[in-house]
């Protein structure tokens, strides 16, 4: 098992797409307790991390504390680049017409791909 914590900055590297990577968005029940604990510890700030279980790689992207409910995360693309795997996500806020609760939320997404032994890079 390998857990990588990735910084929020994007390196000055090529993100030229070579090929698409199949992915699935999964819920937290697929992750071990220790990874869930790491998410809990970091969820107040934006974060990116990856967890490898030998067969699959799990890419977790969190957007930090939000002032209300109604947020979601859109996965725009996961692809093989010239220098690693690239992940592109966006935080989507609630629609103006949407009823939201004034409760703190911590949106994050878990992306599952076939296991890789490459650098995972993030676009924001």
N, C-alpha and C. Protein backbone atom coordinates (compact mmCIF):
# COMPACT_ATOMS: atom_id res chain seq x y z
N UNK A 1 0.85 -1.17 0.00
CA UNK A 1 0.00 0.00 0.00
C UNK A 1 0.89 1.23 0.00
N UNK A 2 0.55 2.19 -0.82
CA UNK A 2 1.33 3.41 -0.95
C UNK A 2 0.38 4.58 -0.98
N UNK A 3 0.65 5.58 -0.16
CA UNK A 3 -0.15 6.78 -0.14
C UNK A 3 0.76 7.93 -0.51
N UNK A 4 0.35 8.71 -1.47
CA UNK A 4 1.12 9.88 -1.90
C UNK A 4 0.31 11.12 -1.61
N UNK A 5 0.93 12.08 -0.98
CA UNK A 5 0.30 13.37 -0.80
C UNK A 5 0.88 14.30 -1.84
N UNK A 6 0.02 14.98 -2.54
CA UNK A 6 0.48 15.82 -3.64
C UNK A 6 0.19 17.27 -3.31
N UNK A 7 1.13 18.14 -3.61
CA UNK A 7 0.96 19.57 -3.37
C UNK A 7 -0.07 20.17 -4.30
N UNK A 8 -0.48 21.37 -3.98
CA UNK A 8 -1.51 22.04 -4.76
C UNK A 8 -0.94 22.73 -5.99
N UNK A 9 0.36 22.91 -6.06
CA UNK A 9 0.91 23.60 -7.22
C UNK A 9 1.07 22.64 -8.38
N UNK A 10 1.00 23.20 -9.56
CA UNK A 10 1.17 22.40 -10.77
C UNK A 10 2.59 22.63 -11.27
N UNK A 11 3.30 21.57 -11.54
CA UNK A 11 4.66 21.68 -12.05
C UNK A 11 4.64 22.18 -13.48
N UNK A 12 5.70 22.81 -13.89
CA UNK A 12 5.82 23.30 -15.26
C UNK A 12 6.24 22.14 -16.17
N UNK A 13 5.29 21.28 -16.47
CA UNK A 13 5.55 20.11 -17.29
C UNK A 13 4.49 20.02 -18.37
N UNK A 14 4.75 19.22 -19.36
CA UNK A 14 3.82 19.07 -20.47
C UNK A 14 2.62 18.23 -20.05
N UNK A 15 1.45 18.74 -20.37
CA UNK A 15 0.24 17.97 -20.10
C UNK A 15 -0.39 17.47 -21.40
N UNK A 16 0.42 17.36 -22.45
CA UNK A 16 -0.09 16.90 -23.74
C UNK A 16 -0.69 15.51 -23.60
N UNK A 17 -1.92 15.37 -24.04
CA UNK A 17 -2.64 14.10 -23.93
C UNK A 17 -2.11 13.09 -24.92
N UNK A 18 -1.81 11.89 -24.41
CA UNK A 18 -1.41 10.77 -25.27
C UNK A 18 -2.60 9.83 -25.46
N UNK A 19 -3.30 9.52 -24.36
CA UNK A 19 -4.47 8.66 -24.46
C UNK A 19 -5.37 8.85 -23.25
N UNK A 20 -6.64 8.51 -23.42
CA UNK A 20 -7.60 8.56 -22.32
C UNK A 20 -7.35 7.40 -21.37
N UNK A 21 -7.73 7.59 -20.13
CA UNK A 21 -7.68 6.52 -19.13
C UNK A 21 -9.09 6.31 -18.62
N UNK A 22 -9.52 5.06 -18.61
CA UNK A 22 -10.84 4.74 -18.07
C UNK A 22 -10.81 4.93 -16.56
N UNK A 23 -11.87 5.52 -16.02
CA UNK A 23 -11.95 5.76 -14.59
C UNK A 23 -13.38 5.59 -14.11
N UNK A 24 -13.50 5.42 -12.81
CA UNK A 24 -14.79 5.33 -12.15
C UNK A 24 -14.75 6.22 -10.91
N UNK A 25 -15.81 6.95 -10.67
CA UNK A 25 -15.93 7.70 -9.42
C UNK A 25 -16.58 6.75 -8.41
N UNK A 26 -15.92 6.58 -7.26
CA UNK A 26 -16.39 5.65 -6.24
C UNK A 26 -16.63 6.39 -4.93
N UNK A 27 -17.30 5.73 -4.00
CA UNK A 27 -17.52 6.36 -2.70
C UNK A 27 -16.47 5.88 -1.69
N UNK A 28 -16.51 6.48 -0.53
CA UNK A 28 -15.47 6.24 0.46
C UNK A 28 -15.47 4.83 1.03
N UNK A 29 -16.49 4.04 0.80
CA UNK A 29 -16.51 2.67 1.34
C UNK A 29 -15.45 1.78 0.68
N UNK A 30 -14.88 2.25 -0.43
CA UNK A 30 -13.85 1.46 -1.11
C UNK A 30 -12.46 1.68 -0.53
N UNK A 31 -12.32 2.64 0.37
CA UNK A 31 -11.02 2.99 0.92
C UNK A 31 -10.82 2.43 2.32
N UNK A 32 -9.59 2.09 2.67
CA UNK A 32 -9.33 1.62 4.02
C UNK A 32 -9.46 2.76 5.04
N UNK A 33 -9.66 2.40 6.28
CA UNK A 33 -9.86 3.35 7.36
C UNK A 33 -8.72 4.37 7.47
N UNK A 34 -7.49 3.93 7.28
CA UNK A 34 -6.35 4.85 7.41
C UNK A 34 -6.38 5.95 6.36
N UNK A 35 -6.85 5.66 5.15
CA UNK A 35 -6.95 6.68 4.11
C UNK A 35 -8.10 7.63 4.44
N UNK A 36 -9.20 7.09 4.94
CA UNK A 36 -10.32 7.95 5.35
C UNK A 36 -9.90 8.90 6.46
N UNK A 37 -9.05 8.42 7.36
CA UNK A 37 -8.54 9.26 8.44
C UNK A 37 -7.69 10.39 7.88
N UNK A 38 -6.87 10.10 6.87
CA UNK A 38 -6.04 11.13 6.24
C UNK A 38 -6.91 12.18 5.54
N UNK A 39 -7.98 11.75 4.91
CA UNK A 39 -8.91 12.68 4.27
C UNK A 39 -9.53 13.58 5.34
N UNK A 40 -9.97 12.98 6.42
CA UNK A 40 -10.59 13.72 7.52
C UNK A 40 -9.64 14.79 8.07
N UNK A 41 -8.37 14.45 8.20
CA UNK A 41 -7.37 15.38 8.73
C UNK A 41 -7.10 16.54 7.78
N UNK A 42 -7.29 16.34 6.48
CA UNK A 42 -6.93 17.34 5.47
C UNK A 42 -8.11 18.07 4.85
N UNK A 43 -9.32 17.64 5.13
CA UNK A 43 -10.48 18.10 4.38
C UNK A 43 -10.79 19.59 4.49
N UNK A 44 -10.30 20.28 5.50
CA UNK A 44 -10.60 21.71 5.65
C UNK A 44 -9.89 22.56 4.59
N UNK A 45 -8.80 22.05 4.03
CA UNK A 45 -8.05 22.76 2.99
C UNK A 45 -8.11 21.93 1.70
N UNK A 46 -7.89 22.58 0.58
CA UNK A 46 -7.82 21.86 -0.70
C UNK A 46 -6.66 20.87 -0.65
N UNK A 47 -6.85 19.68 -1.19
CA UNK A 47 -5.80 18.67 -1.19
C UNK A 47 -5.95 17.74 -2.38
N UNK A 48 -4.85 17.06 -2.70
CA UNK A 48 -4.85 15.98 -3.68
C UNK A 48 -3.98 14.87 -3.10
N UNK A 49 -4.40 13.64 -3.28
CA UNK A 49 -3.59 12.52 -2.85
C UNK A 49 -3.96 11.29 -3.66
N UNK A 50 -3.07 10.31 -3.62
CA UNK A 50 -3.32 9.05 -4.32
C UNK A 50 -3.01 7.90 -3.39
N UNK A 51 -3.78 6.83 -3.55
CA UNK A 51 -3.61 5.62 -2.76
C UNK A 51 -3.55 4.46 -3.75
N UNK A 52 -2.56 3.60 -3.58
CA UNK A 52 -2.40 2.45 -4.47
C UNK A 52 -2.53 1.18 -3.63
N UNK A 53 -3.40 0.26 -4.05
CA UNK A 53 -3.57 -0.98 -3.30
C UNK A 53 -2.96 -2.19 -4.00
N UNK A 54 -2.20 -1.95 -5.06
CA UNK A 54 -1.59 -3.05 -5.80
C UNK A 54 -2.32 -3.32 -7.10
N UNK A 55 -3.64 -3.31 -7.08
CA UNK A 55 -4.43 -3.54 -8.29
C UNK A 55 -4.96 -2.24 -8.88
N UNK A 56 -5.34 -1.32 -8.02
CA UNK A 56 -5.96 -0.07 -8.45
C UNK A 56 -5.25 1.12 -7.82
N UNK A 57 -5.41 2.26 -8.48
CA UNK A 57 -4.96 3.53 -7.92
C UNK A 57 -6.22 4.35 -7.65
N UNK A 58 -6.26 4.97 -6.50
CA UNK A 58 -7.37 5.82 -6.10
C UNK A 58 -6.84 7.24 -5.99
N UNK A 59 -7.43 8.14 -6.74
CA UNK A 59 -7.01 9.53 -6.77
C UNK A 59 -8.08 10.33 -6.04
N UNK A 60 -7.69 11.05 -5.00
CA UNK A 60 -8.64 11.78 -4.18
C UNK A 60 -8.33 13.27 -4.31
N UNK A 61 -9.36 14.04 -4.68
CA UNK A 61 -9.22 15.48 -4.84
C UNK A 61 -10.27 16.14 -3.95
N UNK A 62 -9.81 16.98 -3.01
CA UNK A 62 -10.70 17.70 -2.11
C UNK A 62 -10.61 19.19 -2.34
N UNK A 63 -11.70 19.88 -2.15
CA UNK A 63 -11.75 21.32 -2.40
C UNK A 63 -11.88 22.15 -1.12
N UNK A 64 -11.66 21.55 0.02
CA UNK A 64 -11.65 22.32 1.25
C UNK A 64 -13.04 22.68 1.75
N UNK A 65 -13.05 23.48 2.81
CA UNK A 65 -14.30 23.85 3.47
C UNK A 65 -15.12 24.80 2.60
N UNK A 66 -16.40 24.49 2.48
CA UNK A 66 -17.36 25.35 1.78
C UNK A 66 -18.42 25.79 2.79
N UNK A 67 -18.98 26.95 2.58
CA UNK A 67 -19.90 27.56 3.55
C UNK A 67 -21.32 26.99 3.54
N UNK A 68 -21.64 26.15 2.53
CA UNK A 68 -23.00 25.62 2.46
C UNK A 68 -22.99 24.25 1.80
N UNK A 69 -24.16 23.66 1.75
CA UNK A 69 -24.33 22.39 1.02
C UNK A 69 -24.52 22.72 -0.46
N UNK A 70 -24.66 21.70 -1.29
CA UNK A 70 -24.98 21.91 -2.69
C UNK A 70 -23.80 21.88 -3.64
N UNK A 71 -22.59 21.61 -3.14
CA UNK A 71 -21.41 21.56 -4.00
C UNK A 71 -21.20 20.16 -4.55
N UNK A 72 -20.66 20.08 -5.75
CA UNK A 72 -20.28 18.80 -6.33
C UNK A 72 -18.97 18.98 -7.07
N UNK A 73 -18.36 17.88 -7.46
CA UNK A 73 -17.10 17.94 -8.18
C UNK A 73 -17.30 17.24 -9.51
N UNK A 74 -16.90 17.91 -10.56
CA UNK A 74 -16.97 17.35 -11.91
C UNK A 74 -15.59 16.86 -12.30
N UNK A 75 -15.51 15.61 -12.76
CA UNK A 75 -14.26 15.07 -13.29
C UNK A 75 -14.28 15.32 -14.79
N UNK A 76 -13.46 16.25 -15.23
CA UNK A 76 -13.42 16.63 -16.64
C UNK A 76 -12.63 15.64 -17.48
N UNK A 77 -11.51 15.15 -16.93
CA UNK A 77 -10.66 14.28 -17.73
C UNK A 77 -9.65 13.57 -16.84
N UNK A 78 -9.32 12.35 -17.21
CA UNK A 78 -8.21 11.59 -16.63
C UNK A 78 -7.51 10.98 -17.84
N UNK A 79 -6.23 11.31 -18.00
CA UNK A 79 -5.56 10.85 -19.21
C UNK A 79 -4.06 10.64 -19.00
N UNK A 80 -3.51 9.85 -19.93
CA UNK A 80 -2.06 9.63 -19.97
C UNK A 80 -1.44 10.81 -20.68
N UNK A 81 -0.53 11.50 -20.01
CA UNK A 81 0.22 12.59 -20.62
C UNK A 81 1.63 12.13 -20.91
N UNK A 82 2.42 13.04 -21.44
CA UNK A 82 3.82 12.71 -21.75
C UNK A 82 4.63 12.41 -20.51
N UNK A 83 4.23 12.99 -19.38
CA UNK A 83 5.03 12.86 -18.17
C UNK A 83 4.23 12.33 -16.97
N UNK A 84 3.20 11.55 -17.22
CA UNK A 84 2.43 10.96 -16.13
C UNK A 84 0.94 10.98 -16.40
N UNK A 85 0.20 10.68 -15.36
CA UNK A 85 -1.26 10.67 -15.41
C UNK A 85 -1.75 12.06 -15.01
N UNK A 86 -2.64 12.63 -15.80
CA UNK A 86 -3.21 13.94 -15.51
C UNK A 86 -4.67 13.80 -15.10
N UNK A 87 -5.06 14.55 -14.07
CA UNK A 87 -6.42 14.55 -13.55
C UNK A 87 -6.92 15.99 -13.56
N UNK A 88 -8.08 16.20 -14.18
CA UNK A 88 -8.66 17.54 -14.30
C UNK A 88 -10.05 17.51 -13.68
N UNK A 89 -10.24 18.29 -12.61
CA UNK A 89 -11.53 18.36 -11.93
C UNK A 89 -11.92 19.82 -11.70
N UNK A 90 -13.21 20.04 -11.46
CA UNK A 90 -13.72 21.37 -11.12
C UNK A 90 -14.73 21.25 -10.00
N UNK A 91 -14.70 22.23 -9.11
CA UNK A 91 -15.73 22.35 -8.07
C UNK A 91 -16.91 23.08 -8.68
N UNK A 92 -18.09 22.50 -8.54
CA UNK A 92 -19.32 23.09 -9.07
C UNK A 92 -20.15 23.56 -7.87
N UNK A 93 -20.44 24.85 -7.83
CA UNK A 93 -21.25 25.40 -6.75
C UNK A 93 -22.73 25.17 -6.99
N UNK A 94 -23.51 25.41 -5.96
CA UNK A 94 -24.96 25.22 -6.10
C UNK A 94 -25.56 26.24 -7.08
N UNK A 95 -26.59 25.83 -7.77
CA UNK A 95 -27.32 26.73 -8.66
C UNK A 95 -27.97 27.83 -7.82
N UNK A 96 -28.13 29.01 -8.40
CA UNK A 96 -28.73 30.13 -7.66
C UNK A 96 -30.14 29.79 -7.19
N UNK A 97 -30.86 28.98 -7.96
CA UNK A 97 -32.22 28.61 -7.61
C UNK A 97 -32.29 27.42 -6.65
N UNK A 98 -31.15 26.79 -6.41
CA UNK A 98 -31.11 25.59 -5.57
C UNK A 98 -31.22 25.95 -4.09
N UNK A 99 -32.03 25.19 -3.38
CA UNK A 99 -32.14 25.33 -1.93
C UNK A 99 -30.90 24.72 -1.29
N UNK A 100 -30.16 25.50 -0.52
CA UNK A 100 -28.98 24.98 0.17
C UNK A 100 -29.13 25.21 1.65
N UNK A 101 -28.43 24.38 2.40
CA UNK A 101 -28.41 24.54 3.85
C UNK A 101 -27.14 25.28 4.23
N UNK A 102 -27.24 26.13 5.24
CA UNK A 102 -26.08 26.89 5.71
C UNK A 102 -25.26 26.03 6.67
N UNK A 103 -24.76 24.92 6.13
CA UNK A 103 -23.91 24.02 6.91
C UNK A 103 -22.58 23.88 6.18
N UNK A 104 -21.54 23.74 6.95
CA UNK A 104 -20.22 23.57 6.36
C UNK A 104 -20.15 22.24 5.64
N UNK A 105 -19.57 22.24 4.43
CA UNK A 105 -19.38 21.00 3.70
C UNK A 105 -17.93 20.92 3.24
N UNK A 106 -17.48 19.71 2.95
CA UNK A 106 -16.10 19.44 2.55
C UNK A 106 -16.10 18.53 1.32
N UNK A 107 -16.39 19.06 0.15
CA UNK A 107 -16.52 18.20 -1.03
C UNK A 107 -15.18 17.60 -1.47
N UNK A 108 -15.22 16.32 -1.78
CA UNK A 108 -14.07 15.64 -2.38
C UNK A 108 -14.58 14.53 -3.27
N UNK A 109 -13.72 14.08 -4.18
CA UNK A 109 -14.08 13.02 -5.11
C UNK A 109 -13.00 11.96 -5.07
N UNK A 110 -13.41 10.70 -5.25
CA UNK A 110 -12.48 9.57 -5.30
C UNK A 110 -12.59 8.96 -6.69
N UNK A 111 -11.47 8.96 -7.40
CA UNK A 111 -11.41 8.45 -8.77
C UNK A 111 -10.60 7.16 -8.76
N UNK A 112 -11.16 6.10 -9.31
CA UNK A 112 -10.50 4.79 -9.33
C UNK A 112 -10.04 4.48 -10.76
N UNK A 113 -8.75 4.12 -10.89
CA UNK A 113 -8.21 3.72 -12.18
C UNK A 113 -7.42 2.43 -11.99
N UNK A 114 -7.09 1.76 -13.10
CA UNK A 114 -6.20 0.61 -13.01
C UNK A 114 -4.90 1.07 -12.36
N UNK A 115 -4.28 0.20 -11.59
CA UNK A 115 -3.05 0.55 -10.89
C UNK A 115 -1.98 1.08 -11.82
N UNK A 116 -1.33 2.17 -11.43
CA UNK A 116 -0.28 2.76 -12.23
C UNK A 116 0.95 3.02 -11.35
N UNK A 117 2.09 3.00 -11.98
CA UNK A 117 3.34 3.33 -11.31
C UNK A 117 3.93 4.55 -12.00
N UNK A 118 3.14 5.62 -12.01
CA UNK A 118 3.53 6.86 -12.67
C UNK A 118 3.16 8.03 -11.77
N UNK A 119 3.75 9.16 -12.06
CA UNK A 119 3.41 10.38 -11.33
C UNK A 119 1.99 10.79 -11.71
N UNK A 120 1.23 11.18 -10.70
CA UNK A 120 -0.12 11.69 -10.93
C UNK A 120 -0.07 13.20 -10.75
N UNK A 121 -0.55 13.91 -11.76
CA UNK A 121 -0.49 15.37 -11.77
C UNK A 121 -1.91 15.91 -11.84
N UNK A 122 -2.08 17.11 -11.31
CA UNK A 122 -3.41 17.68 -11.20
C UNK A 122 -3.50 19.02 -11.93
N UNK A 123 -4.62 19.19 -12.63
CA UNK A 123 -4.96 20.48 -13.25
C UNK A 123 -6.03 21.11 -12.37
N UNK A 124 -5.97 22.41 -12.24
CA UNK A 124 -7.02 23.12 -11.51
C UNK A 124 -7.31 24.40 -12.20
